[in-house]
Amino acid sequence: MAMLITIDCVNCNLCELECPNEAISPTENAYIIDPGKCTECVGHFERQQCVQVCPADCIIPDPDHLEDKNRLQEKYLQLTGAE
């Protein structure tokens, strides 16, 4: 599943800098995660980097974009062109 940034976001910018898929971008009031690009860092890291650096603990699994590890790995391969 993709991750979701809640309204508790403090706009610190740390998550955007850590995302290996460039799935995080700013809006006027907070940051958002593009579920089409988010692989929960599968293929890159063992744990979600955005969650690791978030000082507000406001990044959670997105209940509207449920994906298992196999699907996340497929998405990683599609995004990176890795085989």
Protein backbone atom coordinates (compact mmCIF):
# COMPACT_ATOMS: atom_id res chain seq x y z
CA MET A 1 0.00 0.00 0.00
CA ALA A 2 1.09 3.53 -0.44
CA MET A 3 1.75 5.74 2.52
CA LEU A 4 -0.36 8.77 3.46
CA ILE A 5 0.64 12.01 5.16
CA THR A 6 -2.00 13.11 7.67
CA ILE A 7 -3.10 16.62 8.57
CA ASP A 8 -0.60 16.58 11.44
CA CYS A 9 2.18 17.32 8.93
CA VAL A 10 4.40 20.21 10.07
CA ASN A 11 5.88 20.88 6.59
CA CYS A 12 9.44 20.12 7.64
CA ASN A 13 10.42 18.81 4.15
CA LEU A 14 12.40 15.84 5.52
CA CYS A 15 10.17 13.19 3.95
CA GLU A 16 10.42 14.66 0.46
CA LEU A 17 14.20 14.60 0.60
CA GLU A 18 14.31 10.95 1.71
CA CYS A 19 11.85 9.46 -0.79
CA PRO A 20 13.78 7.33 -3.33
CA ASN A 21 10.85 7.34 -5.77
CA GLU A 22 10.20 11.09 -5.63
CA ALA A 23 6.64 10.28 -4.62
CA ILE A 24 6.35 13.10 -2.07
CA SER A 25 5.63 16.68 -3.04
CA PRO A 26 4.54 19.87 -1.27
CA THR A 27 1.13 21.46 -1.43
CA GLU A 28 0.12 24.76 0.09
CA ASN A 29 -0.60 23.29 3.53
CA ALA A 30 1.20 19.95 3.71
CA TYR A 31 3.04 17.29 1.78
CA ILE A 32 1.32 14.58 -0.22
CA ILE A 33 2.38 11.14 -1.42
CA ASP A 34 1.60 10.00 -4.96
CA PRO A 35 0.28 6.44 -4.50
CA GLY A 36 1.33 5.61 -8.06
CA LYS A 37 4.97 6.20 -7.14
CA CYS A 38 5.04 5.04 -3.52
CA THR A 39 6.45 1.54 -3.02
CA GLU A 40 6.88 1.92 0.76
CA CYS A 41 10.59 1.87 -0.15
CA VAL A 42 10.34 -1.77 -1.26
CA GLY A 43 13.29 -2.40 -3.56
CA HIS A 44 15.27 0.44 -2.00
CA PHE A 45 15.23 0.00 1.78
CA GLU A 46 13.96 -2.35 4.48
CA ARG A 47 11.80 0.37 6.06
CA GLN A 48 9.91 3.40 4.81
CA GLN A 49 12.37 6.28 4.84
CA CYS A 50 9.68 8.95 5.16
CA VAL A 51 8.35 7.34 8.33
CA GLN A 52 11.89 7.10 9.74
CA VAL A 53 12.56 10.83 9.43
CA CYS A 54 9.11 12.27 10.18
CA PRO A 55 9.26 14.29 13.43
CA ALA A 56 5.46 14.54 13.61
CA ASP A 57 4.78 10.80 13.20
CA CYS A 58 2.13 11.71 10.65
CA ILE A 59 2.84 9.18 7.88
CA ILE A 60 0.61 6.13 7.92
CA PRO A 61 -0.44 3.34 5.52
CA ASP A 62 -3.02 4.67 3.05
CA PRO A 63 -6.19 2.59 3.51
CA ASP A 64 -7.37 3.58 0.02
CA HIS A 65 -4.30 2.06 -1.66
CA LEU A 66 -3.79 -1.42 -0.26
CA GLU A 67 -0.97 -3.38 -1.93
CA ASP A 68 0.98 -6.42 -0.79
CA LYS A 69 4.78 -6.70 -0.90
CA ASN A 70 4.67 -8.51 -4.27
CA ARG A 71 2.71 -5.67 -5.87
CA LEU A 72 5.02 -3.09 -4.31
CA GLN A 73 8.01 -4.97 -5.74
CA GLU A 74 6.35 -5.01 -9.19
CA LYS A 75 5.74 -1.27 -8.93
CA TYR A 76 9.37 -0.72 -7.94
CA LEU A 77 10.51 -2.66 -11.01
CA GLN A 78 8.19 -0.66 -13.26
CA LEU A 79 9.32 2.68 -11.83
CA THR A 80 13.03 1.93 -11.94
CA GLY A 81 13.24 -0.29 -15.02
CA ALA A 82 15.17 -2.79 -12.89
CA GLU A 83 14.87 -6.47 -13.69
